[in-house]
């Protein structure tokens, strides 16, 4: 799959300095597990600052707020009618206009709460889902994107260490 160069450049900028990367999702619902799976793959690769919040990010708000980072990057499936597996970066001001995964929380409410504790930038890495049916695995398109993103993030992390 070809990825948009503007999205890659924006992600590269967000990765410096390394943000707290937060995975949202439900691995039992097909592509909805993309954020969770990416975090696990990054953990295996040695990325230093990761947190999986699964389908309940509101349960992790205090922990998220206490982690001292320059900014946060949330990873989840977001439907903006792009081809399956495509990804883009959303800033916190535009995220309220898109459907985020299958979770029952408002990103705007979460971000407002977090800003009370630590007012730092929040970005959302949205992956366009293909299938979010219960009991399904990741679609091949989303799986390819998760692998690409893991490699891209690890490569950028390793370049910063040199």
N, C-alpha and C. Protein backbone atom coordinates (compact mmCIF):
# COMPACT_ATOMS: atom_id res chain seq x y z
N UNK A 1 0.84 -1.18 0.00
CA UNK A 1 0.00 0.00 0.00
C UNK A 1 0.89 1.24 0.00
N UNK A 2 0.51 2.24 -0.76
CA UNK A 2 1.21 3.52 -0.78
C UNK A 2 0.61 4.44 0.28
N UNK A 3 1.47 5.09 1.04
CA UNK A 3 1.01 5.99 2.08
C UNK A 3 1.32 7.43 1.69
N UNK A 4 0.46 8.33 2.07
CA UNK A 4 0.56 9.74 1.76
C UNK A 4 1.80 10.34 2.41
N UNK A 5 2.63 10.98 1.60
CA UNK A 5 3.89 11.55 2.09
C UNK A 5 3.65 12.63 3.15
N UNK A 6 2.59 13.40 2.99
CA UNK A 6 2.27 14.43 3.99
C UNK A 6 1.97 13.79 5.35
N UNK A 7 1.22 12.67 5.34
CA UNK A 7 0.94 11.96 6.59
C UNK A 7 2.22 11.42 7.22
N UNK A 8 3.11 10.90 6.39
CA UNK A 8 4.38 10.36 6.90
C UNK A 8 5.23 11.47 7.51
N UNK A 9 5.29 12.63 6.85
CA UNK A 9 6.06 13.75 7.39
C UNK A 9 5.47 14.25 8.70
N UNK A 10 4.15 14.31 8.75
CA UNK A 10 3.49 14.76 9.98
C UNK A 10 3.76 13.78 11.12
N UNK A 11 3.68 12.48 10.83
CA UNK A 11 3.97 11.48 11.86
C UNK A 11 5.43 11.58 12.30
N UNK A 12 6.33 11.77 11.37
CA UNK A 12 7.75 11.91 11.69
C UNK A 12 7.97 13.08 12.67
N UNK A 13 7.29 14.19 12.42
CA UNK A 13 7.40 15.36 13.32
C UNK A 13 6.84 15.04 14.70
N UNK A 14 5.73 14.34 14.76
CA UNK A 14 5.10 14.00 16.04
C UNK A 14 6.00 13.07 16.85
N UNK A 15 6.78 12.25 16.17
CA UNK A 15 7.63 11.28 16.85
C UNK A 15 8.89 11.90 17.46
N UNK A 16 9.10 13.20 17.28
CA UNK A 16 10.28 13.85 17.83
C UNK A 16 9.88 15.09 18.61
N UNK A 17 10.07 15.11 19.93
CA UNK A 17 10.57 14.02 20.76
C UNK A 17 9.53 12.90 20.88
N UNK A 18 9.97 11.71 21.29
CA UNK A 18 9.05 10.58 21.35
C UNK A 18 7.85 10.85 22.27
N UNK A 19 6.65 10.69 21.74
CA UNK A 19 5.45 10.90 22.57
C UNK A 19 5.08 9.66 23.37
N UNK A 20 4.18 9.85 24.30
CA UNK A 20 3.47 8.71 24.88
C UNK A 20 2.51 8.23 23.79
N UNK A 21 2.60 6.97 23.41
CA UNK A 21 1.69 6.41 22.39
C UNK A 21 0.67 5.55 23.11
N UNK A 22 -0.60 5.86 22.88
CA UNK A 22 -1.72 5.22 23.59
C UNK A 22 -2.57 4.45 22.59
N UNK A 23 -2.72 3.15 22.82
CA UNK A 23 -3.54 2.32 21.95
C UNK A 23 -4.95 2.18 22.49
N UNK A 24 -5.92 2.35 21.60
CA UNK A 24 -7.33 2.19 21.94
C UNK A 24 -7.88 1.09 21.05
N UNK A 25 -8.74 0.23 21.58
CA UNK A 25 -9.37 -0.75 20.71
C UNK A 25 -9.81 -2.01 21.42
N UNK A 26 -10.37 -2.88 20.62
CA UNK A 26 -10.88 -4.16 21.10
C UNK A 26 -10.46 -5.23 20.09
N UNK A 27 -9.52 -6.06 20.49
CA UNK A 27 -8.98 -7.09 19.60
C UNK A 27 -10.02 -8.11 19.15
N UNK A 28 -11.15 -8.18 19.82
CA UNK A 28 -12.19 -9.14 19.44
C UNK A 28 -13.09 -8.63 18.33
N UNK A 29 -12.88 -7.39 17.90
CA UNK A 29 -13.74 -6.77 16.89
C UNK A 29 -12.95 -6.41 15.63
N UNK A 30 -12.25 -7.38 15.06
CA UNK A 30 -11.56 -7.16 13.80
C UNK A 30 -10.58 -6.00 13.84
N UNK A 31 -10.75 -5.08 12.90
CA UNK A 31 -9.81 -3.96 12.77
C UNK A 31 -9.82 -3.02 13.97
N UNK A 32 -10.83 -3.12 14.81
CA UNK A 32 -10.88 -2.29 16.01
C UNK A 32 -9.69 -2.58 16.93
N UNK A 33 -9.04 -3.70 16.76
CA UNK A 33 -7.87 -4.05 17.57
C UNK A 33 -6.57 -3.44 17.09
N UNK A 34 -6.59 -2.67 16.02
CA UNK A 34 -5.35 -2.16 15.41
C UNK A 34 -4.50 -1.36 16.39
N UNK A 35 -5.11 -0.47 17.16
CA UNK A 35 -4.34 0.35 18.11
C UNK A 35 -3.67 -0.49 19.18
N UNK A 36 -4.40 -1.47 19.69
CA UNK A 36 -3.87 -2.36 20.72
C UNK A 36 -2.71 -3.20 20.17
N UNK A 37 -2.91 -3.74 18.99
CA UNK A 37 -1.89 -4.60 18.38
C UNK A 37 -0.63 -3.80 18.05
N UNK A 38 -0.79 -2.56 17.56
CA UNK A 38 0.38 -1.73 17.27
C UNK A 38 1.18 -1.48 18.55
N UNK A 39 0.52 -1.20 19.65
CA UNK A 39 1.23 -0.97 20.91
C UNK A 39 2.01 -2.21 21.32
N UNK A 40 1.40 -3.38 21.20
CA UNK A 40 2.10 -4.63 21.57
C UNK A 40 3.33 -4.84 20.69
N UNK A 41 3.21 -4.57 19.40
CA UNK A 41 4.35 -4.73 18.48
C UNK A 41 5.46 -3.72 18.80
N UNK A 42 5.07 -2.50 19.15
CA UNK A 42 6.07 -1.49 19.53
C UNK A 42 6.75 -1.87 20.85
N UNK A 43 5.99 -2.44 21.77
CA UNK A 43 6.57 -2.88 23.05
C UNK A 43 7.64 -3.94 22.78
N UNK A 44 7.35 -4.89 21.90
CA UNK A 44 8.32 -5.93 21.55
C UNK A 44 9.56 -5.34 20.90
N UNK A 45 9.41 -4.20 20.24
CA UNK A 45 10.53 -3.55 19.54
C UNK A 45 11.31 -2.59 20.43
N UNK A 46 10.87 -2.42 21.68
CA UNK A 46 11.62 -1.59 22.62
C UNK A 46 11.23 -0.12 22.67
N UNK A 47 10.11 0.26 22.07
CA UNK A 47 9.68 1.67 22.17
C UNK A 47 9.42 1.98 23.64
N UNK A 48 9.90 3.12 24.15
CA UNK A 48 9.93 3.34 25.60
C UNK A 48 8.65 3.78 26.28
N UNK A 49 7.71 4.41 25.60
CA UNK A 49 6.60 5.03 26.31
C UNK A 49 5.27 4.65 25.66
N UNK A 50 4.66 3.58 26.19
CA UNK A 50 3.45 3.01 25.58
C UNK A 50 2.41 2.72 26.64
N UNK A 51 1.15 2.79 26.23
CA UNK A 51 0.06 2.43 27.13
C UNK A 51 -1.11 1.93 26.30
N UNK A 52 -1.63 0.76 26.64
CA UNK A 52 -2.87 0.26 26.04
C UNK A 52 -4.01 0.57 26.99
N UNK A 53 -5.05 1.23 26.47
CA UNK A 53 -6.22 1.55 27.29
C UNK A 53 -7.44 0.77 26.83
N UNK A 54 -7.27 -0.09 25.84
CA UNK A 54 -8.32 -0.98 25.35
C UNK A 54 -9.58 -0.19 24.99
N UNK A 55 -10.73 -0.65 25.38
CA UNK A 55 -11.99 0.02 25.02
C UNK A 55 -12.43 1.04 26.06
N UNK A 56 -11.62 1.23 27.09
CA UNK A 56 -12.03 2.07 28.22
C UNK A 56 -10.98 3.11 28.59
N UNK A 57 -10.66 4.04 27.71
CA UNK A 57 -9.62 5.01 28.06
C UNK A 57 -9.95 5.85 29.28
N UNK A 58 -11.24 6.00 29.56
CA UNK A 58 -11.63 6.80 30.73
C UNK A 58 -11.12 6.18 32.03
N UNK A 59 -10.88 4.86 32.04
CA UNK A 59 -10.36 4.19 33.23
C UNK A 59 -8.87 4.45 33.46
N UNK A 60 -8.20 5.03 32.48
CA UNK A 60 -6.75 5.25 32.55
C UNK A 60 -6.39 6.74 32.60
N UNK A 61 -7.36 7.60 32.78
CA UNK A 61 -7.10 9.04 32.68
C UNK A 61 -6.05 9.52 33.67
N UNK A 62 -6.14 9.10 34.91
CA UNK A 62 -5.16 9.56 35.90
C UNK A 62 -3.76 9.07 35.53
N UNK A 63 -3.64 7.82 35.13
CA UNK A 63 -2.34 7.28 34.73
C UNK A 63 -1.78 8.05 33.53
N UNK A 64 -2.63 8.31 32.54
CA UNK A 64 -2.19 9.07 31.36
C UNK A 64 -1.71 10.45 31.78
N UNK A 65 -2.47 11.10 32.63
CA UNK A 65 -2.14 12.47 33.06
C UNK A 65 -0.82 12.51 33.83
N UNK A 66 -0.49 11.44 34.54
CA UNK A 66 0.72 11.43 35.36
C UNK A 66 1.99 11.14 34.57
N UNK A 67 1.87 10.64 33.36
CA UNK A 67 3.05 10.33 32.55
C UNK A 67 3.57 11.62 31.94
N UNK A 68 4.80 11.95 32.28
CA UNK A 68 5.38 13.22 31.83
C UNK A 68 6.00 13.07 30.45
N UNK A 69 5.31 13.58 29.47
CA UNK A 69 5.78 13.59 28.09
C UNK A 69 5.46 14.95 27.49
N UNK A 70 6.10 15.24 26.38
CA UNK A 70 5.88 16.50 25.67
C UNK A 70 4.52 16.51 24.97
N UNK A 71 4.08 15.35 24.51
CA UNK A 71 2.79 15.24 23.82
C UNK A 71 2.35 13.77 23.80
N UNK A 72 1.09 13.55 23.36
CA UNK A 72 0.52 12.20 23.32
C UNK A 72 0.04 11.90 21.90
N UNK A 73 0.21 10.63 21.51
CA UNK A 73 -0.29 10.15 20.23
C UNK A 73 -1.22 8.97 20.51
N UNK A 74 -2.50 9.16 20.25
CA UNK A 74 -3.51 8.13 20.43
C UNK A 74 -3.65 7.36 19.12
N UNK A 75 -3.76 6.03 19.19
CA UNK A 75 -3.90 5.22 17.98
C UNK A 75 -5.20 4.44 18.07
N UNK A 76 -6.03 4.60 17.05
CA UNK A 76 -7.32 3.90 17.02
C UNK A 76 -7.79 3.86 15.57
N UNK A 77 -8.80 3.05 15.32
CA UNK A 77 -9.44 3.11 14.01
C UNK A 77 -10.41 4.28 14.01
N UNK A 78 -10.42 5.00 12.91
CA UNK A 78 -11.30 6.15 12.73
C UNK A 78 -11.86 6.07 11.32
N UNK A 79 -13.16 6.21 11.20
CA UNK A 79 -13.79 6.13 9.89
C UNK A 79 -13.94 7.52 9.28
N UNK A 80 -13.18 7.77 8.22
CA UNK A 80 -13.34 9.02 7.47
C UNK A 80 -13.52 8.71 5.98
N UNK A 81 -14.02 7.49 5.70
CA UNK A 81 -14.35 7.05 4.34
C UNK A 81 -13.15 7.04 3.40
N UNK A 82 -12.02 6.62 3.91
CA UNK A 82 -10.82 6.43 3.10
C UNK A 82 -10.71 4.94 2.75
N UNK A 83 -9.79 4.56 1.88
CA UNK A 83 -9.59 3.14 1.61
C UNK A 83 -9.14 2.40 2.88
N UNK A 84 -9.60 1.17 3.09
CA UNK A 84 -9.19 0.41 4.28
C UNK A 84 -7.67 0.33 4.40
N UNK A 85 -7.19 0.56 5.61
CA UNK A 85 -5.76 0.51 5.87
C UNK A 85 -5.06 1.86 5.74
N UNK A 86 -5.73 2.83 5.16
CA UNK A 86 -5.12 4.16 5.07
C UNK A 86 -5.01 4.73 6.48
N UNK A 87 -4.10 5.65 6.69
CA UNK A 87 -4.01 6.31 7.99
C UNK A 87 -3.77 7.79 7.79
N UNK A 88 -4.12 8.54 8.80
CA UNK A 88 -3.81 9.97 8.81
C UNK A 88 -3.76 10.45 10.25
N UNK A 89 -3.20 11.63 10.41
CA UNK A 89 -3.08 12.26 11.72
C UNK A 89 -4.21 13.27 11.86
N UNK A 90 -4.89 13.21 12.98
CA UNK A 90 -5.93 14.17 13.33
C UNK A 90 -5.45 14.93 14.56
N UNK A 91 -5.64 16.24 14.57
CA UNK A 91 -5.32 16.94 15.82
C UNK A 91 -6.56 16.96 16.70
N UNK A 92 -6.37 17.36 17.93
CA UNK A 92 -7.46 17.26 18.91
C UNK A 92 -8.66 18.12 18.54
N UNK A 93 -8.46 19.18 17.77
CA UNK A 93 -9.59 20.04 17.42
C UNK A 93 -10.50 19.43 16.36
N UNK A 94 -9.97 18.55 15.52
CA UNK A 94 -10.81 17.98 14.46
C UNK A 94 -11.35 16.59 14.79
N UNK A 95 -10.86 15.97 15.85
CA UNK A 95 -11.24 14.59 16.13
C UNK A 95 -12.72 14.45 16.48
N UNK A 96 -13.33 15.48 16.99
CA UNK A 96 -14.74 15.39 17.38
C UNK A 96 -15.67 15.21 16.19
N UNK A 97 -15.17 15.43 14.98
CA UNK A 97 -16.01 15.32 13.79
C UNK A 97 -16.01 13.92 13.18
N UNK A 98 -15.25 13.00 13.76
CA UNK A 98 -15.12 11.67 13.18
C UNK A 98 -15.57 10.59 14.15
N UNK A 99 -16.02 9.46 13.59
CA UNK A 99 -16.41 8.31 14.41
C UNK A 99 -15.15 7.59 14.85
N UNK A 100 -14.98 7.46 16.14
CA UNK A 100 -13.81 6.78 16.68
C UNK A 100 -14.21 5.40 17.14
N UNK A 101 -13.76 4.42 16.42
CA UNK A 101 -13.88 3.04 16.82
C UNK A 101 -15.30 2.69 17.28
N UNK A 102 -15.41 1.78 18.22
CA UNK A 102 -16.72 1.32 18.69
C UNK A 102 -16.92 1.66 20.16
N UNK A 103 -16.18 2.62 20.65
CA UNK A 103 -16.15 2.88 22.09
C UNK A 103 -17.18 3.93 22.48
N UNK A 104 -17.60 3.87 23.71
CA UNK A 104 -18.67 4.74 24.19
C UNK A 104 -18.13 5.95 24.94
N UNK A 105 -17.09 6.56 24.43
CA UNK A 105 -16.56 7.73 25.10
C UNK A 105 -16.44 8.86 24.08
N UNK A 106 -16.42 10.06 24.58
CA UNK A 106 -16.22 11.23 23.74
C UNK A 106 -14.77 11.67 23.86
N UNK A 107 -14.02 11.66 22.77
CA UNK A 107 -12.63 12.12 22.84
C UNK A 107 -12.53 13.55 23.36
N UNK A 108 -13.49 14.39 23.01
CA UNK A 108 -13.45 15.78 23.47
C UNK A 108 -13.51 15.86 24.99
N UNK A 109 -14.36 15.04 25.60
CA UNK A 109 -14.48 15.04 27.07
C UNK A 109 -13.19 14.53 27.71
N UNK A 110 -12.63 13.45 27.16
CA UNK A 110 -11.37 12.92 27.69
C UNK A 110 -10.26 13.97 27.63
N UNK A 111 -10.15 14.63 26.49
CA UNK A 111 -9.07 15.60 26.32
C UNK A 111 -9.24 16.80 27.24
N UNK A 112 -10.48 17.22 27.43
CA UNK A 112 -10.72 18.34 28.36
C UNK A 112 -10.28 17.96 29.78
N UNK A 113 -10.61 16.75 30.19
CA UNK A 113 -10.19 16.27 31.51
C UNK A 113 -8.66 16.26 31.61
N UNK A 114 -8.01 15.70 30.60
CA UNK A 114 -6.55 15.59 30.63
C UNK A 114 -5.88 16.96 30.63
N UNK A 115 -6.44 17.91 29.93
CA UNK A 115 -5.85 19.26 29.88
C UNK A 115 -5.86 19.92 31.25
N UNK A 116 -6.80 19.53 32.11
CA UNK A 116 -6.83 20.07 33.47
C UNK A 116 -5.60 19.62 34.27
N UNK A 117 -5.09 18.43 33.96
CA UNK A 117 -3.93 17.88 34.67
C UNK A 117 -2.62 18.28 34.00
N UNK A 118 -2.55 18.11 32.70
CA UNK A 118 -1.31 18.37 31.97
C UNK A 118 -1.71 18.84 30.57
N UNK A 119 -1.55 20.12 30.34
CA UNK A 119 -1.98 20.71 29.07
C UNK A 119 -0.88 20.54 28.03
N UNK A 120 -0.89 19.39 27.35
CA UNK A 120 0.08 19.11 26.30
C UNK A 120 -0.68 18.73 25.04
N UNK A 121 -0.04 18.82 23.88
CA UNK A 121 -0.73 18.49 22.63
C UNK A 121 -1.11 17.01 22.56
N UNK A 122 -2.28 16.77 21.98
CA UNK A 122 -2.76 15.42 21.71
C UNK A 122 -2.99 15.28 20.21
N UNK A 123 -2.54 14.16 19.66
CA UNK A 123 -2.75 13.84 18.26
C UNK A 123 -3.37 12.45 18.19
N UNK A 124 -4.12 12.21 17.13
CA UNK A 124 -4.74 10.91 16.91
C UNK A 124 -4.23 10.35 15.60
N UNK A 125 -3.68 9.15 15.66
CA UNK A 125 -3.30 8.43 14.46
C UNK A 125 -4.48 7.52 14.14
N UNK A 126 -5.23 7.88 13.14
CA UNK A 126 -6.42 7.12 12.77
C UNK A 126 -6.14 6.17 11.63
N UNK A 127 -6.55 4.94 11.79
CA UNK A 127 -6.42 3.93 10.74
C UNK A 127 -7.83 3.62 10.24
N UNK A 128 -8.02 3.70 8.93
CA UNK A 128 -9.33 3.42 8.35
C UNK A 128 -9.63 1.92 8.44
N UNK A 129 -10.70 1.54 9.13
CA UNK A 129 -11.03 0.11 9.25
C UNK A 129 -11.74 -0.42 8.01
N UNK A 130 -11.70 -1.73 7.87
CA UNK A 130 -12.48 -2.41 6.84
C UNK A 130 -13.59 -3.23 7.49
N UNK A 131 -13.23 -3.91 8.58
CA UNK A 131 -14.15 -4.85 9.21
C UNK A 131 -14.02 -4.75 10.73
N UNK A 132 -15.14 -4.50 11.39
CA UNK A 132 -15.10 -4.44 12.86
C UNK A 132 -16.14 -5.38 13.46
N UNK A 133 -16.34 -6.51 12.80
CA UNK A 133 -17.30 -7.49 13.31
C UNK A 133 -16.67 -8.31 14.43
N UNK A 134 -17.50 -8.64 15.38
CA UNK A 134 -17.08 -9.45 16.52
C UNK A 134 -16.53 -10.79 16.05
N UNK A 135 -15.40 -11.18 16.62
CA UNK A 135 -14.82 -12.48 16.33
C UNK A 135 -13.92 -12.52 15.10
N UNK A 136 -13.71 -11.40 14.46
CA UNK A 136 -12.87 -11.36 13.26
C UNK A 136 -11.45 -10.93 13.60
N UNK A 137 -10.51 -11.30 12.75
CA UNK A 137 -9.12 -10.85 12.89
C UNK A 137 -8.97 -9.53 12.13
N UNK A 138 -7.78 -8.94 12.24
CA UNK A 138 -7.50 -7.74 11.44
C UNK A 138 -7.64 -8.06 9.96
N UNK A 139 -8.17 -7.14 9.20
CA UNK A 139 -8.19 -7.30 7.74
C UNK A 139 -6.75 -7.22 7.25
N UNK A 140 -6.49 -7.77 6.08
CA UNK A 140 -5.12 -7.76 5.55
C UNK A 140 -4.63 -6.33 5.33
N UNK A 141 -5.54 -5.42 4.93
CA UNK A 141 -5.15 -4.03 4.70
C UNK A 141 -4.70 -3.36 6.00
N UNK A 142 -5.46 -3.55 7.06
CA UNK A 142 -5.12 -2.92 8.34
C UNK A 142 -3.90 -3.60 8.95
N UNK A 143 -3.78 -4.90 8.81
CA UNK A 143 -2.60 -5.60 9.32
C UNK A 143 -1.33 -5.07 8.64
N UNK A 144 -1.39 -4.85 7.34
CA UNK A 144 -0.25 -4.31 6.60
C UNK A 144 0.13 -2.92 7.13
N UNK A 145 -0.88 -2.11 7.41
CA UNK A 145 -0.63 -0.77 7.93
C UNK A 145 -0.03 -0.81 9.33
N UNK A 146 -0.52 -1.69 10.18
CA UNK A 146 0.03 -1.83 11.53
C UNK A 146 1.51 -2.21 11.45
N UNK A 147 1.85 -3.16 10.58
CA UNK A 147 3.25 -3.57 10.41
C UNK A 147 4.09 -2.39 9.91
N UNK A 148 3.57 -1.68 8.92
CA UNK A 148 4.29 -0.52 8.38
C UNK A 148 4.52 0.53 9.47
N UNK A 149 3.48 0.84 10.23
CA UNK A 149 3.60 1.85 11.28
C UNK A 149 4.60 1.44 12.35
N UNK A 150 4.58 0.17 12.74
CA UNK A 150 5.57 -0.31 13.71
C UNK A 150 6.98 -0.07 13.18
N UNK A 151 7.23 -0.49 11.95
CA UNK A 151 8.56 -0.32 11.36
C UNK A 151 8.94 1.16 11.26
N UNK A 152 7.99 1.98 10.84
CA UNK A 152 8.24 3.42 10.67
C UNK A 152 8.58 4.07 12.01
N UNK A 153 7.81 3.76 13.04
CA UNK A 153 8.03 4.35 14.37
C UNK A 153 9.36 3.88 14.96
N UNK A 154 9.65 2.59 14.84
CA UNK A 154 10.91 2.05 15.37
C UNK A 154 12.10 2.64 14.62
N UNK A 155 11.99 2.75 13.31
CA UNK A 155 13.08 3.33 12.51
C UNK A 155 13.35 4.78 12.94
N UNK A 156 12.30 5.54 13.15
CA UNK A 156 12.46 6.93 13.60
C UNK A 156 13.06 6.99 15.00
N UNK A 157 12.65 6.08 15.87
CA UNK A 157 13.19 6.03 17.22
C UNK A 157 14.69 5.72 17.17
N UNK A 158 15.07 4.76 16.34
CA UNK A 158 16.48 4.37 16.24
C UNK A 158 17.33 5.48 15.63
N UNK A 159 16.79 6.24 14.68
CA UNK A 159 17.54 7.35 14.09
C UNK A 159 17.81 8.44 15.12
N UNK A 160 16.88 8.65 16.03
CA UNK A 160 17.05 9.68 17.07
C UNK A 160 18.14 9.28 18.06
N UNK A 161 18.35 7.98 18.23
CA UNK A 161 19.35 7.49 19.19
C UNK A 161 20.78 7.60 18.65
N UNK A 162 20.91 7.73 17.34
CA UNK A 162 22.26 7.75 16.73
C UNK A 162 22.95 9.07 16.93
